[in-house]
Protein backbone atom coordinates (compact mmCIF):
# COMPACT_ATOMS: atom_id res chain seq x y z
CA MET A 1 -75.14 -13.01 -22.44
CA PRO A 2 -77.63 -10.24 -23.53
CA ARG A 3 -78.08 -9.36 -19.85
CA VAL A 4 -74.34 -9.07 -19.37
CA ARG A 5 -73.97 -6.83 -22.42
CA ARG A 6 -76.83 -4.71 -21.19
CA GLY A 7 -75.21 -4.37 -17.74
CA LEU A 8 -71.87 -3.35 -19.25
CA SER A 9 -73.61 -0.83 -21.48
CA VAL A 10 -75.40 0.75 -18.55
CA SER A 11 -72.17 0.98 -16.54
CA THR A 12 -70.31 2.43 -19.50
CA LEU A 13 -73.10 4.94 -20.08
CA THR A 14 -73.08 5.96 -16.42
CA LEU A 15 -69.26 6.53 -16.57
CA VAL A 16 -69.61 8.58 -19.75
CA ILE A 17 -72.36 10.68 -18.16
CA LEU A 18 -70.21 11.30 -15.08
CA LEU A 19 -67.16 12.24 -17.15
CA GLY A 20 -69.25 14.42 -19.43
CA ALA A 21 -70.84 16.14 -16.47
CA GLY A 22 -67.45 17.17 -15.17
CA GLY A 23 -66.24 18.37 -18.55
CA THR A 24 -62.89 16.52 -18.16
CA SER A 25 -61.16 13.63 -19.90
CA LEU A 26 -59.34 10.69 -18.34
CA ALA A 27 -56.18 12.25 -16.79
CA VAL A 28 -54.80 9.28 -14.87
CA PRO A 29 -52.53 6.98 -16.94
CA PRO A 30 -52.62 3.19 -16.63
CA PRO A 31 -51.23 1.99 -13.30
CA PRO A 32 -47.48 1.27 -13.25
CA PRO A 33 -46.13 -2.05 -11.90
CA ASN A 34 -46.55 -2.48 -8.18
CA PRO A 35 -43.97 -4.93 -6.77
CA SER A 36 -45.08 -6.94 -3.78
CA ASP A 37 -43.64 -6.52 -0.31
CA SER A 38 -42.11 -9.97 -0.54
CA GLU A 39 -40.29 -9.02 -3.76
CA ILE A 40 -38.91 -5.88 -2.15
CA GLN A 41 -37.91 -7.73 1.02
CA ALA A 42 -36.26 -10.49 -1.01
CA GLY A 43 -34.33 -7.86 -2.97
CA LYS A 44 -33.23 -6.17 0.25
CA ALA A 45 -32.19 -9.50 1.76
CA ASP A 46 -30.13 -10.28 -1.33
CA ALA A 47 -28.53 -6.83 -1.25
CA ASN A 48 -27.78 -7.17 2.48
CA ALA A 49 -26.22 -10.57 1.88
CA LYS A 50 -24.06 -9.15 -0.88
CA ALA A 51 -23.15 -6.18 1.34
CA GLY A 52 -22.12 -8.60 4.09
CA GLU A 53 -19.99 -10.52 1.61
CA VAL A 54 -18.40 -7.27 0.44
CA GLY A 55 -17.72 -6.35 4.05
CA ARG A 56 -16.14 -9.73 4.72
CA LEU A 57 -13.94 -9.48 1.63
CA THR A 58 -13.08 -5.89 2.52
CA ASN A 59 -11.87 -7.02 5.94
CA GLN A 60 -9.89 -9.85 4.37
CA LEU A 61 -8.38 -7.45 1.87
CA ALA A 62 -7.49 -4.99 4.63
CA GLN A 63 -5.75 -7.78 6.54
CA ALA A 64 -4.02 -8.93 3.36
CA GLU A 65 -2.85 -5.39 2.62
CA GLN A 66 -1.51 -5.11 6.16
CA LYS A 67 0.34 -8.40 5.71
CA LEU A 68 1.68 -7.21 2.36
CA ALA A 69 2.96 -4.04 4.04
CA GLN A 70 4.65 -6.16 6.70
CA LEU A 71 6.22 -8.32 4.01
CA GLN A 72 7.44 -5.18 2.26
CA ASP A 73 9.07 -4.08 5.49
CA ASP A 74 10.60 -7.55 5.80
CA VAL A 75 11.95 -7.36 2.24
CA GLU A 76 13.54 -3.99 2.97
CA LEU A 77 15.05 -5.36 6.17
CA LYS A 78 16.42 -8.41 4.34
CA GLN A 79 17.85 -6.13 1.66
CA GLU A 80 19.71 -4.14 4.29
CA GLU A 81 20.92 -7.34 5.95
CA ALA A 82 22.20 -8.52 2.56
CA ASN A 83 23.99 -5.19 2.14
CA LYS A 84 25.57 -5.60 5.59
CA ALA A 85 26.68 -9.14 4.76
CA LEU A 86 28.23 -7.89 1.52
CA VAL A 87 30.17 -5.19 3.38
CA ASP A 88 31.29 -7.71 6.03
CA LEU A 89 32.40 -10.13 3.32
CA GLN A 90 34.48 -7.46 1.58
CA THR A 91 36.02 -6.45 4.91
CA ALA A 92 36.86 -10.10 5.67
CA ARG A 93 38.39 -10.52 2.22
CA ASP A 94 40.55 -7.44 2.71
CA ALA A 95 41.62 -8.67 6.14
CA ALA A 96 42.47 -12.14 4.74
CA THR A 97 44.52 -10.59 1.95
CA GLN A 98 46.43 -8.39 4.42
CA ALA A 99 46.99 -11.33 6.78
CA GLU A 100 48.33 -13.47 3.94
CA ASN A 101 50.67 -10.68 2.88
CA ASP A 102 51.89 -10.30 6.48
CA ALA A 103 52.44 -14.07 6.69
CA LYS A 104 54.46 -14.04 3.48
CA ALA A 105 56.61 -11.15 4.76
CA ALA A 106 57.16 -12.92 8.07
CA ARG A 107 58.20 -16.13 6.31
CA THR A 108 60.63 -14.13 4.13
CA GLU A 109 62.18 -12.52 7.24
CA ALA A 110 62.44 -15.90 8.96
CA ASP A 111 64.08 -17.46 5.91
CA ALA A 112 66.59 -14.58 5.71
CA ALA A 113 67.39 -14.98 9.41
CA SER A 114 67.95 -18.71 8.93
CA ALA A 115 70.31 -18.05 6.01
CA ALA A 116 72.29 -15.48 8.05
CA ILE A 117 72.61 -17.95 10.92
CA GLU A 118 73.82 -20.68 8.61
CA GLN A 119 76.45 -18.31 7.16
CA ALA A 120 77.53 -17.23 10.67
CA ARG A 121 77.77 -20.81 11.73
CA ALA A 122 79.93 -21.61 8.69
CA ASP A 123 82.21 -18.65 9.48
CA LEU A 124 82.45 -19.73 13.11
CA LYS A 125 83.34 -23.26 12.07
CA THR A 126 86.10 -21.92 9.78
CA PHE A 127 87.38 -19.67 12.58
CA ALA A 128 87.33 -22.55 15.06
CA ALA A 129 89.06 -24.93 12.68
CA ALA A 130 91.78 -22.44 11.87
CA SER A 131 92.26 -21.67 15.55
CA PHE A 132 92.52 -25.35 16.35
CA GLN A 133 95.13 -25.84 13.62
CA GLN A 134 97.14 -22.82 14.87
CA GLY A 135 96.84 -23.95 18.46
CA SER A 136 94.93 -20.91 19.67
CA THR A 137 92.97 -18.52 17.46
CA VAL A 138 93.37 -17.63 13.83
CA GLY A 139 96.61 -15.69 13.21
CA SER A 140 97.84 -16.15 16.79
CA LEU A 141 101.31 -17.50 15.89
CA SER A 142 102.12 -14.72 13.46
CA ALA A 143 100.80 -12.24 15.95
CA TYR A 144 103.08 -13.46 18.63
CA LEU A 145 106.19 -13.63 16.35
CA SER A 146 105.70 -10.13 14.98
CA ALA A 147 105.07 -8.50 18.36
CA ASP A 148 107.62 -5.84 19.40
CA SER A 149 107.28 -6.43 23.12
CA PRO A 150 105.52 -8.69 25.62
CA LYS A 151 102.98 -5.94 26.18
CA ASP A 152 102.22 -5.77 22.46
CA MET A 153 101.95 -9.54 22.33
CA LEU A 154 99.40 -9.52 25.19
CA ALA A 155 97.31 -6.86 23.48
CA ARG A 156 97.21 -8.80 20.25
CA ALA A 157 96.19 -11.98 22.07
CA GLN A 158 93.31 -10.10 23.78
CA LEU A 159 92.18 -8.67 20.43
CA LEU A 160 92.08 -12.05 18.75
CA ASP A 161 90.26 -13.50 21.71
CA ALA A 162 87.73 -10.69 21.54
CA VAL A 163 87.18 -11.29 17.84
CA GLY A 164 86.37 -14.91 18.52
CA GLY A 165 84.00 -13.94 21.35
CA ASP A 166 82.26 -11.38 19.17
CA ARG A 167 81.61 -14.03 16.58
CA LEU A 168 79.99 -16.16 19.26
CA ASN A 169 77.86 -13.19 20.47
CA ALA A 170 76.78 -12.41 16.92
CA LEU A 171 75.72 -15.99 16.47
CA ASP A 172 73.67 -15.80 19.66
CA ARG A 173 71.98 -12.62 18.45
CA LEU A 174 71.20 -14.18 15.08
CA GLU A 175 69.69 -17.23 16.71
CA GLN A 176 67.57 -14.95 18.95
CA ALA A 177 66.42 -13.00 15.88
CA GLN A 178 65.56 -16.24 14.13
CA THR A 179 63.43 -17.28 17.10
CA GLU A 180 61.59 -13.95 17.07
CA LYS A 181 61.02 -14.11 13.33
CA SER A 182 59.87 -17.72 13.56
CA ASN A 183 57.39 -16.68 16.25
CA LYS A 184 56.27 -13.78 14.08
CA ASP A 185 55.88 -16.15 11.13
CA ALA A 186 53.77 -18.51 13.24
CA ALA A 187 51.61 -15.65 14.48
CA ALA A 188 51.16 -14.36 10.93
CA ARG A 189 50.13 -17.82 9.68
CA LYS A 190 47.66 -18.08 12.56
CA ALA A 191 46.26 -14.64 11.75
CA ALA A 192 45.89 -15.68 8.11
CA GLU A 193 44.02 -18.81 9.15
CA ILE A 194 41.69 -16.79 11.38
CA ALA A 195 41.15 -14.24 8.60
CA GLN A 196 40.32 -17.06 6.19
CA GLN A 197 37.83 -18.48 8.69
CA LYS A 198 36.22 -15.07 9.07
CA GLN A 199 36.06 -14.76 5.29
CA ASP A 200 34.36 -18.15 5.04
CA THR A 201 31.93 -17.16 7.80
CA ALA A 202 31.18 -13.86 6.06
CA ARG A 203 30.63 -15.68 2.76
CA ARG A 204 28.17 -18.06 4.40
CA ALA A 205 26.41 -15.09 6.03
CA LYS A 206 26.19 -13.38 2.64
CA ASP A 207 24.73 -16.52 1.03
CA SER A 208 22.24 -16.81 3.90
CA ALA A 209 21.26 -13.14 3.62
CA ASP A 210 20.78 -13.45 -0.14
CA ALA A 211 18.61 -16.54 0.35
CA ALA A 212 16.56 -14.74 3.02
CA GLN A 213 16.08 -11.76 0.73
CA THR A 214 14.97 -14.01 -2.12
CA ALA A 215 12.54 -15.83 0.18
CA ALA A 216 11.13 -12.52 1.44
CA GLU A 217 10.66 -11.24 -2.10
CA GLN A 218 8.93 -14.49 -3.11
CA ALA A 219 6.64 -14.20 -0.08
CA GLN A 220 5.87 -10.62 -1.04
CA ASP A 221 5.09 -11.63 -4.63
CA GLY A 222 2.86 -14.46 -3.40
CA GLN A 223 0.98 -12.13 -1.06
CA ALA A 224 0.60 -9.57 -3.84
CA SER A 225 -0.97 -12.27 -6.01
CA ARG A 226 -3.35 -13.21 -3.19
CA ASN A 227 -4.21 -9.53 -2.72
CA ALA A 228 -4.94 -9.20 -6.43
CA GLN A 229 -7.22 -12.24 -6.29
CA LEU A 230 -9.01 -10.87 -3.23
CA GLU A 231 -9.41 -7.53 -4.97
CA GLN A 232 -10.83 -9.30 -7.99
CA ASP A 233 -13.24 -11.34 -5.84
CA LYS A 234 -14.29 -8.22 -3.95
CA SER A 235 -14.86 -6.35 -7.21
CA ALA A 236 -17.02 -9.20 -8.53
CA VAL A 237 -19.14 -9.27 -5.37
CA GLU A 238 -19.38 -5.48 -5.42
CA GLN A 239 -20.79 -5.66 -8.91
CA GLN A 240 -23.33 -8.17 -7.64
CA LEU A 241 -24.09 -5.83 -4.75
CA TYR A 242 -24.56 -2.90 -7.11
CA ALA A 243 -26.93 -4.98 -9.23
CA ALA A 244 -28.87 -6.09 -6.13
CA GLN A 245 -29.06 -2.53 -4.81
CA ALA A 246 -30.12 -1.27 -8.20
CA LYS A 247 -32.83 -3.93 -8.25
CA VAL A 248 -34.03 -2.84 -4.81
CA SER A 249 -33.92 0.79 -5.89
CA GLY A 250 -35.86 -0.11 -9.02
CA LEU A 251 -38.51 -2.02 -7.04
CA GLN A 252 -38.78 0.80 -4.52
CA GLY A 253 -38.99 3.29 -7.37
CA GLN A 254 -41.79 1.25 -8.92
CA ARG A 255 -43.56 1.16 -5.58
CA GLN A 256 -43.15 4.93 -5.20
CA ARG A 257 -44.44 5.55 -8.73
CA TYR A 258 -47.41 3.27 -8.04
CA GLN A 259 -48.18 5.13 -4.81
CA ASP A 260 -47.89 8.44 -6.65
CA TRP A 261 -50.27 7.05 -9.27
CA LEU A 262 -52.74 6.00 -6.56
CA ALA A 263 -52.59 9.44 -4.96
CA GLN A 264 -53.13 11.13 -8.32
CA LYS A 265 -55.98 8.74 -9.15
CA GLN A 266 -57.61 9.47 -5.81
CA ARG A 267 -57.41 13.22 -6.46
CA GLU A 268 -58.91 12.71 -9.90
CA ASP A 269 -61.72 10.56 -8.48
CA GLU A 270 -62.47 13.13 -5.82
CA GLU A 271 -62.51 15.88 -8.43
CA ARG A 272 -64.89 13.93 -10.64
CA ALA A 273 -67.18 13.22 -7.70
CA ARG A 274 -67.21 16.92 -6.83
CA GLN A 275 -67.97 17.89 -10.40
CA ALA A 276 -70.72 15.27 -10.61
CA ALA A 277 -72.26 16.60 -7.40
CA LEU A 278 -72.15 20.15 -8.74
CA ALA A 279 -73.74 19.05 -11.99
CA ALA A 280 -76.48 17.18 -10.16
CA SER A 281 -77.27 20.25 -8.04
CA GLY A 282 -77.21 22.55 -11.05
CA GLY A 283 -74.21 24.51 -9.80
CA GLY A 284 -71.67 23.07 -12.21
CA GLY A 285 -68.40 24.77 -12.78
CA ARG A 286 -64.82 24.06 -13.71
CA PRO A 287 -62.18 23.49 -11.06
CA SER A 288 -59.83 26.29 -10.35
CA GLY A 289 -56.75 24.12 -10.80
CA GLY A 290 -55.55 20.70 -11.87
CA PRO A 291 -53.78 18.02 -9.88
CA ALA A 292 -50.86 19.09 -7.73
CA PRO A 293 -47.58 18.72 -9.60
CA SER A 294 -45.26 15.94 -8.55
CA GLY A 295 -41.77 16.63 -7.17
CA PRO A 296 -38.75 16.97 -9.44
CA ALA A 297 -37.14 13.83 -10.76
CA GLY A 298 -34.51 12.41 -8.38
CA SER A 299 -35.82 14.15 -5.28
CA SER A 300 -35.96 11.01 -3.12
CA ILE A 301 -33.10 9.47 -1.15
CA GLU A 302 -33.27 6.29 -3.19
CA ALA A 303 -33.12 8.25 -6.43
CA VAL A 304 -30.00 10.09 -5.19
CA ILE A 305 -28.36 6.82 -4.19
CA ALA A 306 -29.36 5.15 -7.46
CA ARG A 307 -27.70 7.98 -9.42
CA ALA A 308 -24.49 7.62 -7.40
CA LEU A 309 -24.47 3.83 -7.72
CA SER A 310 -25.03 4.05 -11.46
CA LYS A 311 -21.51 5.48 -11.80
CA ILE A 312 -19.72 2.65 -10.00
CA GLY A 313 -16.53 1.81 -11.87
CA MET A 314 -16.13 5.26 -13.46
CA PRO A 315 -12.54 6.57 -13.27
CA TYR A 316 -11.58 9.16 -10.70
CA ALA A 317 -10.76 12.43 -12.47
CA TRP A 318 -9.79 15.43 -10.39
CA GLY A 319 -12.17 18.30 -11.12
CA GLY A 320 -14.49 15.97 -13.07
CA GLY A 321 -18.25 15.59 -12.84
CA ASN A 322 -21.31 17.85 -12.95
CA ALA A 323 -25.08 17.56 -12.68
CA SER A 324 -25.27 15.90 -16.10
CA GLY A 325 -22.65 13.21 -15.50
CA PRO A 326 -18.92 12.61 -15.79
CA THR A 327 -16.64 15.20 -17.38
CA ARG A 328 -12.98 15.46 -18.27
CA GLY A 329 -10.69 16.12 -15.32
CA ILE A 330 -8.43 19.15 -14.99
CA ARG A 331 -4.76 19.70 -14.19
CA ASP A 332 -3.60 20.23 -10.63
CA GLY A 333 0.13 20.48 -11.22
CA GLY A 334 0.78 17.48 -8.96
CA VAL A 335 -0.61 14.04 -8.20
CA ALA A 336 -3.62 14.25 -10.53
CA ASP A 337 -1.37 15.23 -13.42
CA ARG A 338 0.92 12.28 -12.77
CA TYR A 339 -2.11 9.99 -13.06
CA GLY A 340 -3.29 11.77 -16.21
CA ASP A 341 -6.62 12.87 -14.71
CA TYR A 342 -6.82 15.68 -17.26
CA ASN A 343 -7.18 13.00 -19.96
CA LYS A 344 -9.84 10.97 -18.11
CA ILE A 345 -13.63 11.25 -18.15
CA GLY A 346 -14.96 10.72 -14.65
CA PHE A 347 -15.70 12.22 -11.23
CA ASP A 348 -13.87 13.52 -8.24
CA CYS A 349 -15.47 13.19 -4.80
CA SER A 350 -17.47 16.43 -4.83
CA GLY A 351 -18.33 16.03 -8.54
CA LEU A 352 -20.02 12.70 -7.73
CA MET A 353 -22.14 14.43 -5.06
CA ILE A 354 -23.14 17.14 -7.56
CA TYR A 355 -24.40 14.46 -9.93
CA ALA A 356 -26.15 12.38 -7.24
CA PHE A 357 -28.07 15.36 -5.76
CA ALA A 358 -28.80 17.05 -9.11
CA GLY A 359 -32.55 16.52 -8.62
CA VAL A 360 -32.45 17.92 -5.09
CA ARG A 361 -30.09 20.87 -5.01
CA SER A 362 -27.34 22.48 -7.05
CA LEU A 363 -24.10 21.90 -5.15
CA PRO A 364 -20.78 23.74 -5.51
CA HIS A 365 -17.79 21.77 -6.78
CA TYR A 366 -15.96 21.96 -3.45
CA SER A 367 -16.41 19.53 -0.56
CA GLY A 368 -15.86 22.29 2.01
CA TYR A 369 -18.90 24.20 0.75
CA GLN A 370 -20.91 20.99 0.42
CA TYR A 371 -20.29 20.35 4.13
CA SER A 372 -22.31 23.46 4.97
CA SER A 373 -24.92 23.00 2.21
CA GLY A 374 -27.52 21.25 4.39
CA ARG A 375 -28.53 20.33 7.92
CA ARG A 376 -25.71 18.88 9.98
CA VAL A 377 -26.43 15.82 12.10
CA PRO A 378 -24.10 13.98 14.52
CA LEU A 379 -22.47 10.88 13.11
CA SER A 380 -24.36 8.81 15.68
CA GLN A 381 -27.57 9.85 13.88
CA MET A 382 -26.36 9.52 10.27
CA ARG A 383 -28.64 7.66 7.92
CA ARG A 384 -28.84 6.48 4.33
CA GLY A 385 -28.46 9.37 1.90
CA ASP A 386 -26.37 11.63 4.17
CA MET A 387 -23.04 13.04 3.01
CA LEU A 388 -19.93 12.18 5.06
CA PHE A 389 -16.83 14.36 5.12
CA TRP A 390 -13.15 14.06 6.05
CA GLY A 391 -10.81 16.85 7.02
CA GLY A 392 -9.29 18.77 9.88
CA PRO A 393 -8.19 22.24 10.96
CA ARG A 394 -6.91 23.01 7.46
CA GLY A 395 -10.29 22.24 5.84
CA ILE A 396 -12.39 19.51 4.23
CA HIS A 397 -10.64 17.27 1.69
CA HIS A 398 -13.11 14.43 0.90
CA VAL A 399 -16.83 13.62 0.74
CA ALA A 400 -18.79 10.39 0.25
CA LEU A 401 -22.45 9.30 0.25
CA TYR A 402 -23.58 7.08 3.13
CA LEU A 403 -25.52 3.95 2.07
CA GLY A 404 -26.29 2.56 5.53
CA GLY A 405 -24.95 -0.59 7.13
CA GLY A 406 -21.48 0.93 7.49
CA GLN A 407 -21.08 1.29 3.70
CA MET A 408 -20.59 4.33 1.50
CA VAL A 409 -20.08 5.17 -2.18
CA GLU A 410 -17.23 7.49 -3.12
CA ALA A 411 -14.90 8.69 -5.84
CA PRO A 412 -11.73 7.96 -3.81
CA GLN A 413 -8.54 9.33 -5.39
CA SER A 414 -6.45 9.50 -8.55
CA GLY A 415 -5.74 6.08 -9.99
CA LEU A 416 -8.90 4.50 -8.54
CA ARG A 417 -12.56 4.30 -9.56
CA VAL A 418 -15.94 5.12 -8.07
CA ARG A 419 -16.64 2.35 -5.57
CA ILE A 420 -18.56 1.13 -2.55
CA THR A 421 -16.44 0.68 0.56
CA SER A 422 -16.68 0.61 4.35
CA VAL A 423 -16.92 3.92 6.16
CA ARG A 424 -13.46 5.08 7.29
CA TYR A 425 -13.60 6.78 10.66
CA GLY A 426 -10.02 8.05 10.72
CA GLY A 427 -10.13 11.80 10.11
CA ILE A 428 -13.92 11.85 9.59
CA MET A 429 -15.74 15.06 10.46
CA PRO A 430 -18.04 14.87 13.51
CA TYR A 431 -21.19 15.72 11.54
CA ALA A 432 -22.92 14.35 8.45
CA THR A 433 -24.74 16.71 6.09
CA ARG A 434 -28.38 15.91 5.29
CA LEU A 435 -30.10 17.41 2.25
CA ILE A 436 -33.26 15.26 2.27
CA GLY A 437 -35.50 14.76 5.31
């Protein structure tokens, strides 16, 4: 043990002499944690697995939303079909009412014709009976006795005969009218039956259309519930993904800080060795400068991404966000106002980029200017940490931060929250903007 103490004392003395010779104190702090490669790889594997699960749920949710849209279209179609059935039912009811009224009128006309015929027949029977009793026609004897001449007698006989014939002709006409009215009555009753059948058919069609509409609405409600569950599952996995990515970012940050510490320690060791050599040769002197300063906080891609991911779940607020964090939104006189963005604390798309890149560059609060704020690279060459933009001939309207693996983080639109989602290629600009590397 005395030998060990003596050895430690000599080593300590040598270190003190070296430090004293250089005229400096210990500048390097204790080493920070240095995660192993296996820890970092395991974290990445977990994050990739969670990203794959998010992608799978995103695809399922997209399909579910498409199905919900189709069901909505089906509900609207069934609603219109129900409206048509209602109109058809009312038309059939009106037609049945009119047909019934026509049938009643036809029966009334037929009954009146029958009564007139019966009266004519009674009159004809009276006329015939009287004629039979008189031997010829009614009034024939008195006509003959009161005639002034044979010629007058013949004329009166012809008149009486004509009266009897006219009665017979009138009876024929009445019977013909009764036949026509009976036919009309039959046709009217048939029309009423047909109208009633059409009304029954229209009523069944209306009941069927109502049932179809109810079924469509129930299917839509069921799909909406499934969509909500999928959205909830996706949100839960996204939170797990954010935690896994944050863990990876933290491990990589620890590794970077450890490497920075090693580099600083190496510079310090080299400086001490130089000072010791100068002291040994008698040409001691102080260094002209200290260690090189490290870069500003948040200057790495992972730091930028970590800042963006730290705001997952924050509300979208139009006009919100700056380099320090979320801010209250502003009025736009339109959609944002309807969602109350001016009362929310959060980010809009370009505000989130301002916050994420605060340690790299000061960005303007307009996605169009952000598009030209760095080096543009084709989408085929985009990489983690690049900004993606959407727009067209009228200008840029959206920006997001690419995470790699087909994923991005964005502040999407009023009513939603900062989220991770799959890259949307519809309307995307042909170039990504790169601020680092």
